Amino acid sequence: MLRPISWIKFERLYFKERYLKHADRNGLKRLFLKEYGITGRQLNGTIFNLSGNVEANRQALLRNLETKKRKLDKVGKRIKSALKSDRKDWFKYTSTTDRSLISNVRSLTSRSG
């Protein structure tokens, strides 16, 4: 029996079966063609589009991870240099910093009131 379904739901179902449950691609293709009554060309287009989206998302996450690692390395170097230095007031605020922090707090509290 053919089930009517939107393309977005169809893509989500295919994604769940293929990428989360790691089902066989050819078996899924046979199942989806029978169950949803679409053509092979439509299914191939959906598969191609979905695999492109998955790969793009994967690359973006890897790039984000590399950026976070670089930032973490920079902070680690700054902490090491701070601990090695002879300055005792490394983590103290200056008067200008204190004033800017106070003004930021005042502006945040005045907006919420």
PDB file of N, CA and C in Angstrom:
ATOM      1  N   MET A   1       0.843  -1.182   0.000  1.00  0.00           N
ATOM      2  CA  MET A   1       0.000   0.000   0.000  1.00  0.00           C
ATOM      3  C   MET A   1       0.887   1.243   0.000  1.00  0.00           C
ATOM      4  N   LEU A   2       0.579   2.181  -0.869  1.00  0.00           N
ATOM      5  CA  LEU A   2       1.360   3.405  -0.982  1.00  0.00           C
ATOM      6  C   LEU A   2       0.928   4.390   0.098  1.00  0.00           C
ATOM      7  N   ARG A   3       1.921   5.008   0.731  1.00  0.00           N
ATOM      8  CA  ARG A   3       1.628   5.982   1.768  1.00  0.00           C
ATOM      9  C   ARG A   3       1.989   7.374   1.248  1.00  0.00           C
ATOM     10  N   PRO A   4       1.032   8.322   1.267  1.00  0.00           N
ATOM     11  CA  PRO A   4       1.370   9.688   0.867  1.00  0.00           C
ATOM     12  C   PRO A   4       2.211  10.342   1.964  1.00  0.00           C
ATOM     13  N   ILE A   5       3.248  11.057   1.540  1.00  0.00           N
ATOM     14  CA  ILE A   5       4.156  11.660   2.513  1.00  0.00           C
ATOM     15  C   ILE A   5       4.822  12.866   1.857  1.00  0.00           C
ATOM     16  N   SER A   6       5.164  13.856   2.660  1.00  0.00           N
ATOM     17  CA  SER A   6       5.850  15.025   2.118  1.00  0.00           C
ATOM     18  C   SER A   6       7.322  14.688   1.898  1.00  0.00           C
ATOM     19  N   TRP A   7       7.998  15.470   1.055  1.00  0.00           N
ATOM     20  CA  TRP A   7       9.406  15.204   0.749  1.00  0.00           C
ATOM     21  C   TRP A   7      10.286  15.392   1.966  1.00  0.00           C
ATOM     22  N   ILE A   8       9.937  16.352   2.805  1.00  0.00           N
ATOM     23  CA  ILE A   8      10.750  16.594   3.998  1.00  0.00           C
ATOM     24  C   ILE A   8      10.676  15.394   4.936  1.00  0.00           C
ATOM     25  N   LYS A   9       9.479  14.870   5.145  1.00  0.00           N
ATOM     26  CA  LYS A   9       9.339  13.684   5.989  1.00  0.00           C
ATOM     27  C   LYS A   9      10.039  12.495   5.349  1.00  0.00           C
ATOM     28  N   PHE A  10       9.938  12.411   4.021  1.00  0.00           N
ATOM     29  CA  PHE A  10      10.583  11.323   3.302  1.00  0.00           C
ATOM     30  C   PHE A  10      12.101  11.374   3.502  1.00  0.00           C
ATOM     31  N   GLU A  11      12.683  12.567   3.368  1.00  0.00           N
ATOM     32  CA  GLU A  11      14.120  12.729   3.592  1.00  0.00           C
ATOM     33  C   GLU A  11      14.498  12.373   5.021  1.00  0.00           C
ATOM     34  N   ARG A  12      13.691  12.789   5.980  1.00  0.00           N
ATOM     35  CA  ARG A  12      13.971  12.484   7.387  1.00  0.00           C
ATOM     36  C   ARG A  12      13.924  10.979   7.650  1.00  0.00           C
ATOM     37  N   LEU A  13      12.923  10.315   7.072  1.00  0.00           N
ATOM     38  CA  LEU A  13      12.832   8.866   7.240  1.00  0.00           C
ATOM     39  C   LEU A  13      14.043   8.166   6.637  1.00  0.00           C
ATOM     40  N   TYR A  14      14.419   8.589   5.432  1.00  0.00           N
ATOM     41  CA  TYR A  14      15.572   7.967   4.784  1.00  0.00           C
ATOM     42  C   TYR A  14      16.847   8.233   5.593  1.00  0.00           C
ATOM     43  N   PHE A  15      17.005   9.460   6.092  1.00  0.00           N
ATOM     44  CA  PHE A  15      18.172   9.805   6.904  1.00  0.00           C
ATOM     45  C   PHE A  15      18.232   8.917   8.143  1.00  0.00           C
ATOM     46  N   LYS A  16      17.090   8.761   8.812  1.00  0.00           N
ATOM     47  CA  LYS A  16      17.065   7.954  10.029  1.00  0.00           C
ATOM     48  C   LYS A  16      17.468   6.511   9.742  1.00  0.00           C
ATOM     49  N   GLU A  17      16.921   5.959   8.676  1.00  0.00           N
ATOM     50  CA  GLU A  17      17.226   4.567   8.348  1.00  0.00           C
ATOM     51  C   GLU A  17      18.667   4.398   7.888  1.00  0.00           C
ATOM     52  N   ARG A  18      19.141   5.307   7.051  1.00  0.00           N
ATOM     53  CA  ARG A  18      20.454   5.138   6.428  1.00  0.00           C
ATOM     54  C   ARG A  18      21.600   5.542   7.356  1.00  0.00           C
ATOM     55  N   TYR A  19      21.494   6.705   7.983  1.00  0.00           N
ATOM     56  CA  TYR A  19      22.625   7.251   8.728  1.00  0.00           C
ATOM     57  C   TYR A  19      22.572   6.964  10.227  1.00  0.00           C
ATOM     58  N   LEU A  20      21.390   6.797  10.788  1.00  0.00           N
ATOM     59  CA  LEU A  20      21.321   6.519  12.220  1.00  0.00           C
ATOM     60  C   LEU A  20      21.255   5.024  12.509  1.00  0.00           C
ATOM     61  N   LYS A  21      20.497   4.304  11.693  1.00  0.00           N
ATOM     62  CA  LYS A  21      20.392   2.859  11.896  1.00  0.00           C
ATOM     63  C   LYS A  21      21.364   2.069  11.026  1.00  0.00           C
ATOM     64  N   HIS A  22      22.075   2.756  10.133  1.00  0.00           N
ATOM     65  CA  HIS A  22      23.091   2.158   9.252  1.00  0.00           C
ATOM     66  C   HIS A  22      22.543   0.985   8.437  1.00  0.00           C
ATOM     67  N   ALA A  23      21.377   1.204   7.845  1.00  0.00           N
ATOM     68  CA  ALA A  23      20.760   0.164   7.027  1.00  0.00           C
ATOM     69  C   ALA A  23      21.455   0.083   5.664  1.00  0.00           C
ATOM     70  N   ASP A  24      21.274  -1.055   5.000  1.00  0.00           N
ATOM     71  CA  ASP A  24      21.858  -1.280   3.683  1.00  0.00           C
ATOM     72  C   ASP A  24      21.202  -0.356   2.659  1.00  0.00           C
ATOM     73  N   ARG A  25      22.007   0.273   1.815  1.00  0.00           N
ATOM     74  CA  ARG A  25      21.503   1.249   0.858  1.00  0.00           C
ATOM     75  C   ARG A  25      20.585   0.612  -0.182  1.00  0.00           C
ATOM     76  N   ASN A  26      20.995  -0.519  -0.724  1.00  0.00           N
ATOM     77  CA  ASN A  26      20.175  -1.164  -1.749  1.00  0.00           C
ATOM     78  C   ASN A  26      18.866  -1.699  -1.181  1.00  0.00           C
ATOM     79  N   GLY A  27      18.916  -2.255   0.014  1.00  0.00           N
ATOM     80  CA  GLY A  27      17.690  -2.728   0.658  1.00  0.00           C
ATOM     81  C   GLY A  27      16.729  -1.585   0.940  1.00  0.00           C
ATOM     82  N   LEU A  28      17.283  -0.470   1.378  1.00  0.00           N
ATOM     83  CA  LEU A  28      16.441   0.708   1.622  1.00  0.00           C
ATOM     84  C   LEU A  28      15.812   1.203   0.332  1.00  0.00           C
ATOM     85  N   LYS A  29      16.586   1.160  -0.731  1.00  0.00           N
ATOM     86  CA  LYS A  29      16.081   1.641  -2.007  1.00  0.00           C
ATOM     87  C   LYS A  29      14.873   0.808  -2.447  1.00  0.00           C
ATOM     88  N   ARG A  30      14.990  -0.510  -2.356  1.00  0.00           N
ATOM     89  CA  ARG A  30      13.866  -1.380  -2.726  1.00  0.00           C
ATOM     90  C   ARG A  30      12.654  -1.103  -1.839  1.00  0.00           C
ATOM     91  N   LEU A  31      12.895  -0.987  -0.544  1.00  0.00           N
ATOM     92  CA  LEU A  31      11.806  -0.760   0.403  1.00  0.00           C
ATOM     93  C   LEU A  31      11.099   0.568   0.137  1.00  0.00           C
ATOM     94  N   PHE A  32      11.865   1.620  -0.021  1.00  0.00           N
ATOM     95  CA  PHE A  32      11.272   2.946  -0.196  1.00  0.00           C
ATOM     96  C   PHE A  32      10.555   3.073  -1.534  1.00  0.00           C
ATOM     97  N   LEU A  33      11.067   2.440  -2.581  1.00  0.00           N
ATOM     98  CA  LEU A  33      10.396   2.491  -3.879  1.00  0.00           C
ATOM     99  C   LEU A  33       9.035   1.807  -3.806  1.00  0.00           C
ATOM    100  N   LYS A  34       8.959   0.669  -3.132  1.00  0.00           N
ATOM    101  CA  LYS A  34       7.685  -0.045  -3.005  1.00  0.00           C
ATOM    102  C   LYS A  34       6.727   0.701  -2.090  1.00  0.00           C
ATOM    103  N   GLU A  35       7.221   1.116  -0.928  1.00  0.00           N
ATOM    104  CA  GLU A  35       6.340   1.650   0.100  1.00  0.00           C
ATOM    105  C   GLU A  35       5.781   3.029  -0.238  1.00  0.00           C
ATOM    106  N   TYR A  36       6.572   3.873  -0.871  1.00  0.00           N
ATOM    107  CA  TYR A  36       6.138   5.251  -1.100  1.00  0.00           C
ATOM    108  C   TYR A  36       5.777   5.531  -2.551  1.00  0.00           C
ATOM    109  N   GLY A  37       5.969   4.582  -3.439  1.00  0.00           N
ATOM    110  CA  GLY A  37       5.527   4.736  -4.823  1.00  0.00           C
ATOM    111  C   GLY A  37       6.196   5.865  -5.576  1.00  0.00           C
ATOM    112  N   ILE A  38       7.478   6.057  -5.360  1.00  0.00           N
ATOM    113  CA  ILE A  38       8.208   7.092  -6.093  1.00  0.00           C
ATOM    114  C   ILE A  38       9.092   6.412  -7.130  1.00  0.00           C
ATOM    115  N   THR A  39       9.584   7.195  -8.050  1.00  0.00           N
ATOM    116  CA  THR A  39      10.461   6.636  -9.076  1.00  0.00           C
ATOM    117  C   THR A  39      11.884   6.541  -8.551  1.00  0.00           C
ATOM    118  N   GLY A  40      12.677   5.734  -9.223  1.00  0.00           N
ATOM    119  CA  GLY A  40      14.080   5.596  -8.845  1.00  0.00           C
ATOM    120  C   GLY A  40      14.830   6.907  -8.999  1.00  0.00           C
ATOM    121  N   ARG A  41      14.443   7.670 -10.006  1.00  0.00           N
ATOM    122  CA  ARG A  41      15.098   8.965 -10.228  1.00  0.00           C
ATOM    123  C   ARG A  41      14.826   9.930  -9.077  1.00  0.00           C
ATOM    124  N   GLN A  42      13.591   9.927  -8.602  1.00  0.00           N
ATOM    125  CA  GLN A  42      13.251  10.787  -7.465  1.00  0.00           C
ATOM    126  C   GLN A  42      14.015  10.362  -6.213  1.00  0.00           C
ATOM    127  N   LEU A  43      14.095   9.062  -6.001  1.00  0.00           N
ATOM    128  CA  LEU A  43      14.820   8.556  -4.837  1.00  0.00           C
ATOM    129  C   LEU A  43      16.305   8.876  -4.940  1.00  0.00           C
ATOM    130  N   ASN A  44      16.879   8.693  -6.121  1.00  0.00           N
ATOM    131  CA  ASN A  44      18.298   9.012  -6.301  1.00  0.00           C
ATOM    132  C   ASN A  44      18.572  10.487  -6.069  1.00  0.00           C
ATOM    133  N   GLY A  45      17.671  11.340  -6.521  1.00  0.00           N
ATOM    134  CA  GLY A  45      17.828  12.779  -6.279  1.00  0.00           C
ATOM    135  C   GLY A  45      17.791  13.103  -4.803  1.00  0.00           C
ATOM    136  N   THR A  46      16.877  12.477  -4.097  1.00  0.00           N
ATOM    137  CA  THR A  46      16.771  12.693  -2.655  1.00  0.00           C
ATOM    138  C   THR A  46      18.028  12.193  -1.945  1.00  0.00           C
ATOM    139  N   ILE A  47      18.504  11.009  -2.343  1.00  0.00           N
ATOM    140  CA  ILE A  47      19.699  10.440  -1.729  1.00  0.00           C
ATOM    141  C   ILE A  47      20.910  11.333  -1.989  1.00  0.00           C
ATOM    142  N   PHE A  48      21.050  11.816  -3.223  1.00  0.00           N
ATOM    143  CA  PHE A  48      22.173  12.673  -3.579  1.00  0.00           C
ATOM    144  C   PHE A  48      22.135  13.972  -2.785  1.00  0.00           C
ATOM    145  N   ASN A  49      20.951  14.574  -2.692  1.00  0.00           N
ATOM    146  CA  ASN A  49      20.797  15.817  -1.940  1.00  0.00           C
ATOM    147  C   ASN A  49      21.098  15.606  -0.460  1.00  0.00           C
ATOM    148  N   LEU A  50      20.578  14.530   0.093  1.00  0.00           N
ATOM    149  CA  LEU A  50      20.780  14.249   1.513  1.00  0.00           C
ATOM    150  C   LEU A  50      22.235  13.944   1.832  1.00  0.00           C
ATOM    151  N   SER A  51      22.890  13.167   0.972  1.00  0.00           N
ATOM    152  CA  SER A  51      24.301  12.856   1.236  1.00  0.00           C
ATOM    153  C   SER A  51      25.163  14.111   1.137  1.00  0.00           C
ATOM    154  N   GLY A  52      24.812  15.038   0.235  1.00  0.00           N
ATOM    155  CA  GLY A  52      25.531  16.314   0.153  1.00  0.00           C
ATOM    156  C   GLY A  52      25.361  17.137   1.418  1.00  0.00           C
ATOM    157  N   ASN A  53      24.142  17.167   1.941  1.00  0.00           N
ATOM    158  CA  ASN A  53      23.885  17.911   3.179  1.00  0.00           C
ATOM    159  C   ASN A  53      24.633  17.303   4.359  1.00  0.00           C
ATOM    160  N   VAL A  54      24.658  15.981   4.422  1.00  0.00           N
ATOM    161  CA  VAL A  54      25.355  15.305   5.519  1.00  0.00           C
ATOM    162  C   VAL A  54      26.851  15.591   5.453  1.00  0.00           C
ATOM    163  N   GLU A  55      27.422  15.511   4.259  1.00  0.00           N
ATOM    164  CA  GLU A  55      28.864  15.763   4.113  1.00  0.00           C
ATOM    165  C   GLU A  55      29.209  17.222   4.423  1.00  0.00           C
ATOM    166  N   ALA A  56      28.356  18.156   3.977  1.00  0.00           N
ATOM    167  CA  ALA A  56      28.597  19.575   4.274  1.00  0.00           C
ATOM    168  C   ALA A  56      28.541  19.834   5.773  1.00  0.00           C
ATOM    169  N   ASN A  57      27.579  19.217   6.446  1.00  0.00           N
ATOM    170  CA  ASN A  57      27.464  19.377   7.891  1.00  0.00           C
ATOM    171  C   ASN A  57      28.682  18.784   8.593  1.00  0.00           C
ATOM    172  N   ARG A  58      29.136  17.649   8.120  1.00  0.00           N
ATOM    173  CA  ARG A  58      30.317  16.998   8.709  1.00  0.00           C
ATOM    174  C   ARG A  58      31.551  17.885   8.563  1.00  0.00           C
ATOM    175  N   GLN A  59      31.745  18.447   7.376  1.00  0.00           N
ATOM    176  CA  GLN A  59      32.896  19.323   7.146  1.00  0.00           C
ATOM    177  C   GLN A  59      32.824  20.576   8.009  1.00  0.00           C
ATOM    178  N   ALA A  60      31.627  21.137   8.166  1.00  0.00           N
ATOM    179  CA  ALA A  60      31.467  22.327   9.003  1.00  0.00           C
ATOM    180  C   ALA A  60      31.801  22.012  10.457  1.00  0.00           C
ATOM    181  N   LEU A  61      31.371  20.851  10.934  1.00  0.00           N
ATOM    182  CA  LEU A  61      31.677  20.470  12.313  1.00  0.00           C
ATOM    183  C   LEU A  61      33.176  20.251  12.508  1.00  0.00           C
ATOM    184  N   LEU A  62      33.835  19.644  11.532  1.00  0.00           N
ATOM    185  CA  LEU A  62      35.286  19.442  11.630  1.00  0.00           C
ATOM    186  C   LEU A  62      36.030  20.775  11.630  1.00  0.00           C
ATOM    187  N   ARG A  63      35.577  21.701  10.782  1.00  0.00           N
ATOM    188  CA  ARG A  63      36.203  23.022  10.733  1.00  0.00           C
ATOM    189  C   ARG A  63      35.993  23.757  12.054  1.00  0.00           C
ATOM    190  N   ASN A  64      34.800  23.637  12.625  1.00  0.00           N
ATOM    191  CA  ASN A  64      34.504  24.267  13.907  1.00  0.00           C
ATOM    192  C   ASN A  64      35.371  23.663  15.005  1.00  0.00           C
ATOM    193  N   LEU A  65      35.570  22.359  14.962  1.00  0.00           N
ATOM    194  CA  LEU A  65      36.414  21.691  15.950  1.00  0.00           C
ATOM    195  C   LEU A  65      37.856  22.186  15.869  1.00  0.00           C
ATOM    196  N   GLU A  66      38.364  22.344  14.648  1.00  0.00           N
ATOM    197  CA  GLU A  66      39.729  22.851  14.482  1.00  0.00           C
ATOM    198  C   GLU A  66      39.855  24.267  15.026  1.00  0.00           C
ATOM    199  N   THR A  67      38.852  25.092  14.788  1.00  0.00           N
ATOM    200  CA  THR A  67      38.873  26.457  15.299  1.00  0.00           C
ATOM    201  C   THR A  67      38.878  26.461  16.825  1.00  0.00           C
ATOM    202  N   LYS A  68      38.051  25.623  17.415  1.00  0.00           N
ATOM    203  CA  LYS A  68      38.003  25.551  18.883  1.00  0.00           C
ATOM    204  C   LYS A  68      39.334  25.071  19.446  1.00  0.00           C
ATOM    205  N   LYS A  69      39.982  24.114  18.775  1.00  0.00           N
ATOM    206  CA  LYS A  69      41.286  23.631  19.246  1.00  0.00           C
ATOM    207  C   LYS A  69      42.336  24.727  19.187  1.00  0.00           C
ATOM    208  N   ARG A  70      42.327  25.522  18.104  1.00  0.00           N
ATOM    209  CA  ARG A  70      43.288  26.628  17.994  1.00  0.00           C
ATOM    210  C   ARG A  70      43.058  27.652  19.098  1.00  0.00           C
ATOM    211  N   LYS A  71      41.809  27.979  19.364  1.00  0.00           N
ATOM    212  CA  LYS A  71      41.507  28.940  20.427  1.00  0.00           C
ATOM    213  C   LYS A  71      41.924  28.401  21.791  1.00  0.00           C
ATOM    214  N   LEU A  72      41.689  27.120  22.009  1.00  0.00           N
ATOM    215  CA  LEU A  72      42.082  26.506  23.272  1.00  0.00           C
ATOM    216  C   LEU A  72      43.598  26.522  23.442  1.00  0.00           C
ATOM    217  N   ASP A  73      44.336  26.274  22.364  1.00  0.00           N
ATOM    218  CA  ASP A  73      45.793  26.333  22.424  1.00  0.00           C
ATOM    219  C   ASP A  73      46.272  27.739  22.770  1.00  0.00           C
ATOM    220  N   LYS A  74      45.641  28.763  22.186  1.00  0.00           N
ATOM    221  CA  LYS A  74      46.025  30.143  22.484  1.00  0.00           C
ATOM    222  C   LYS A  74      45.793  30.473  23.957  1.00  0.00           C
ATOM    223  N   VAL A  75      44.649  30.062  24.471  1.00  0.00           N
ATOM    224  CA  VAL A  75      44.347  30.334  25.879  1.00  0.00           C
ATOM    225  C   VAL A  75      45.319  29.580  26.779  1.00  0.00           C
ATOM    226  N   GLY A  76      45.645  28.345  26.418  1.00  0.00           N
ATOM    227  CA  GLY A  76      46.609  27.574  27.203  1.00  0.00           C
ATOM    228  C   GLY A  76      47.972  28.233  27.238  1.00  0.00           C
ATOM    229  N   LYS A  77      48.408  28.775  26.114  1.00  0.00           N
ATOM    230  CA  LYS A  77      49.698  29.476  26.070  1.00  0.00           C
ATOM    231  C   LYS A  77      49.669  30.732  26.931  1.00  0.00           C
ATOM    232  N   ARG A  78      48.557  31.465  26.889  1.00  0.00           N
ATOM    233  CA  ARG A  78      48.453  32.675  27.702  1.00  0.00           C
ATOM    234  C   ARG A  78      48.462  32.341  29.191  1.00  0.00           C
ATOM    235  N   ILE A  79      47.803  31.262  29.556  1.00  0.00           N
ATOM    236  CA  ILE A  79      47.785  30.862  30.967  1.00  0.00           C
ATOM    237  C   ILE A  79      49.174  30.445  31.412  1.00  0.00           C
ATOM    238  N   LYS A  80      49.879  29.677  30.580  1.00  0.00           N
ATOM    239  CA  LYS A  80      51.240  29.255  30.931  1.00  0.00           C
ATOM    240  C   LYS A  80      52.162  30.453  31.080  1.00  0.00           C
ATOM    241  N   SER A  81      52.047  31.415  30.158  1.00  0.00           N
ATOM    242  CA  SER A  81      52.909  32.595  30.260  1.00  0.00           C
ATOM    243  C   SER A  81      52.546  33.427  31.481  1.00  0.00           C
ATOM    244  N   ALA A  82      51.265  33.460  31.839  1.00  0.00           N
ATOM    245  CA  ALA A  82      50.850  34.214  33.024  1.00  0.00           C
ATOM    246  C   ALA A  82      51.393  33.564  34.291  1.00  0.00           C
ATOM    247  N   LEU A  83      51.385  32.258  34.325  1.00  0.00           N
ATOM    248  CA  LEU A  83      51.881  31.562  35.512  1.00  0.00           C
ATOM    249  C   LEU A  83      53.399  31.655  35.630  1.00  0.00           C
ATOM    250  N   LYS A  84      54.100  31.785  34.518  1.00  0.00           N
ATOM    251  CA  LYS A  84      55.559  31.896  34.537  1.00  0.00           C
ATOM    252  C   LYS A  84      56.025  33.306  34.869  1.00  0.00           C
ATOM    253  N   SER A  85      55.190  34.300  34.617  1.00  0.00           N
ATOM    254  CA  SER A  85      55.639  35.681  34.787  1.00  0.00           C
ATOM    255  C   SER A  85      55.754  36.038  36.266  1.00  0.00           C
ATOM    256  N   ASP A  86      56.471  37.132  36.507  1.00  0.00           N
ATOM    257  CA  ASP A  86      56.689  37.594  37.878  1.00  0.00           C
ATOM    258  C   ASP A  86      55.596  38.556  38.338  1.00  0.00           C
ATOM    259  N   ARG A  87      54.745  38.957  37.427  1.00  0.00           N
ATOM    260  CA  ARG A  87      53.676  39.884  37.791  1.00  0.00           C
ATOM    261  C   ARG A  87      52.688  39.214  38.730  1.00  0.00           C
ATOM    262  N   LYS A  88      52.395  39.880  39.821  1.00  0.00           N
ATOM    263  CA  LYS A  88      51.455  39.325  40.791  1.00  0.00           C
ATOM    264  C   LYS A  88      50.019  39.763  40.498  1.00  0.00           C
ATOM    265  N   ASP A  89      49.872  40.869  39.755  1.00  0.00           N
ATOM    266  CA  ASP A  89      48.532  41.404  39.503  1.00  0.00           C
ATOM    267  C   ASP A  89      48.020  41.024  38.114  1.00  0.00           C
ATOM    268  N   TRP A  90      48.385  39.873  37.635  1.00  0.00           N
ATOM    269  CA  TRP A  90      48.039  39.464  36.272  1.00  0.00           C
ATOM    270  C   TRP A  90      46.529  39.384  36.066  1.00  0.00           C
ATOM    271  N   PHE A  91      45.814  38.901  37.045  1.00  0.00           N
ATOM    272  CA  PHE A  91      44.381  38.698  36.888  1.00  0.00           C
ATOM    273  C   PHE A  91      43.534  39.793  37.527  1.00  0.00           C
ATOM    274  N   LYS A  92      44.152  40.876  37.980  1.00  0.00           N
ATOM    275  CA  LYS A  92      43.402  41.970  38.589  1.00  0.00           C
ATOM    276  C   LYS A  92      42.846  42.883  37.505  1.00  0.00           C
ATOM    277  N   TYR A  93      41.729  43.513  37.837  1.00  0.00           N
ATOM    278  CA  TYR A  93      41.134  44.481  36.925  1.00  0.00           C
ATOM    279  C   TYR A  93      41.735  45.852  37.168  1.00  0.00           C
ATOM    280  N   THR A  94      41.842  46.624  36.126  1.00  0.00           N
ATOM    281  CA  THR A  94      42.261  48.019  36.288  1.00  0.00           C
ATOM    282  C   THR A  94      41.021  48.850  36.540  1.00  0.00           C
ATOM    283  N   SER A  95      41.223  50.110  36.875  1.00  0.00           N
ATOM    284  CA  SER A  95      40.076  50.967  37.166  1.00  0.00           C
ATOM    285  C   SER A  95      39.212  51.167  35.920  1.00  0.00           C
ATOM    286  N   THR A  96      39.827  51.236  34.746  1.00  0.00           N
ATOM    287  CA  THR A  96      39.036  51.397  33.519  1.00  0.00           C
ATOM    288  C   THR A  96      38.224  50.134  33.232  1.00  0.00           C
ATOM    289  N   THR A  97      38.786  49.003  33.510  1.00  0.00           N
ATOM    290  CA  THR A  97      38.058  47.754  33.312  1.00  0.00           C
ATOM    291  C   THR A  97      36.896  47.674  34.284  1.00  0.00           C
ATOM    292  N   ASP A  98      37.143  48.079  35.537  1.00  0.00           N
ATOM    293  CA  ASP A  98      36.077  48.073  36.536  1.00  0.00           C
ATOM    294  C   ASP A  98      34.930  48.986  36.111  1.00  0.00           C
ATOM    295  N   ARG A  99      35.263  50.169  35.596  1.00  0.00           N
ATOM    296  CA  ARG A  99      34.218  51.100  35.170  1.00  0.00           C
ATOM    297  C   ARG A  99      33.423  50.536  34.005  1.00  0.00           C
ATOM    298  N   SER A 100      34.109  49.899  33.055  1.00  0.00           N
ATOM    299  CA  SER A 100      33.381  49.358  31.911  1.00  0.00           C
ATOM    300  C   SER A 100      32.503  48.177  32.334  1.00  0.00           C
ATOM    301  N   LEU A 101      32.968  47.380  33.284  1.00  0.00           N
ATOM    302  CA  LEU A 101      32.143  46.276  33.774  1.00  0.00           C
ATOM    303  C   LEU A 101      30.908  46.791  34.494  1.00  0.00           C
ATOM    304  N   ILE A 102      31.093  47.838  35.301  1.00  0.00           N
ATOM    305  CA  ILE A 102      29.959  48.410  36.036  1.00  0.00           C
ATOM    306  C   ILE A 102      28.948  49.003  35.072  1.00  0.00           C
ATOM    307  N   SER A 103      29.423  49.693  34.037  1.00  0.00           N
ATOM    308  CA  SER A 103      28.478  50.276  33.083  1.00  0.00           C
ATOM    309  C   SER A 103      27.744  49.189  32.303  1.00  0.00           C
ATOM    310  N   ASN A 104      28.422  48.079  32.010  1.00  0.00           N
ATOM    311  CA  ASN A 104      27.753  46.972  31.320  1.00  0.00           C
ATOM    312  C   ASN A 104      26.667  46.369  32.206  1.00  0.00           C
ATOM    313  N   VAL A 105      26.952  46.222  33.486  1.00  0.00           N
ATOM    314  CA  VAL A 105      25.979  45.651  34.409  1.00  0.00           C
ATOM    315  C   VAL A 105      24.794  46.592  34.539  1.00  0.00           C
ATOM    316  N   ARG A 106      25.061  47.894  34.637  1.00  0.00           N
ATOM    317  CA  ARG A 106      23.963  48.865  34.747  1.00  0.00           C
ATOM    318  C   ARG A 106      23.088  48.853  33.506  1.00  0.00           C
ATOM    319  N   SER A 107      23.715  48.763  32.333  1.00  0.00           N
ATOM    320  CA  SER A 107      22.908  48.779  31.103  1.00  0.00           C
ATOM    321  C   SER A 107      22.084  47.502  30.993  1.00  0.00           C
ATOM    322  N   LEU A 108      22.600  46.373  31.471  1.00  0.00           N
ATOM    323  CA  LEU A 108      21.835  45.127  31.423  1.00  0.00           C
ATOM    324  C   LEU A 108      20.659  45.159  32.392  1.00  0.00           C
ATOM    325  N   THR A 109      20.881  45.717  33.594  1.00  0.00           N
ATOM    326  CA  THR A 109      19.804  45.744  34.586  1.00  0.00           C
ATOM    327  C   THR A 109      18.751  46.768  34.207  1.00  0.00           C
ATOM    328  N   SER A 110      19.133  47.855  33.555  1.00  0.00           N
ATOM    329  CA  SER A 110      18.135  48.869  33.194  1.00  0.00           C
ATOM    330  C   SER A 110      17.251  48.357  32.058  1.00  0.00           C
ATOM    331  N   ARG A 111      17.764  47.474  31.195  1.00  0.00           N
ATOM    332  CA  ARG A 111      16.944  46.934  30.116  1.00  0.00           C
ATOM    333  C   ARG A 111      15.908  45.938  30.616  1.00  0.00           C
ATOM    334  N   SER A 112      16.268  45.186  31.642  1.00  0.00           N
ATOM    335  CA  SER A 112      15.360  44.155  32.115  1.00  0.00           C
ATOM    336  C   SER A 112      14.240  44.731  32.981  1.00  0.00           C
ATOM    337  N   GLY A 113      14.403  45.932  33.490  1.00  0.00           N
ATOM    338  CA  GLY A 113      13.431  46.520  34.401  1.00  0.00           C
ATOM    339  C   GLY A 113      12.322  47.116  33.685  1.00  0.00           C
TER     340      GLY A 113
END
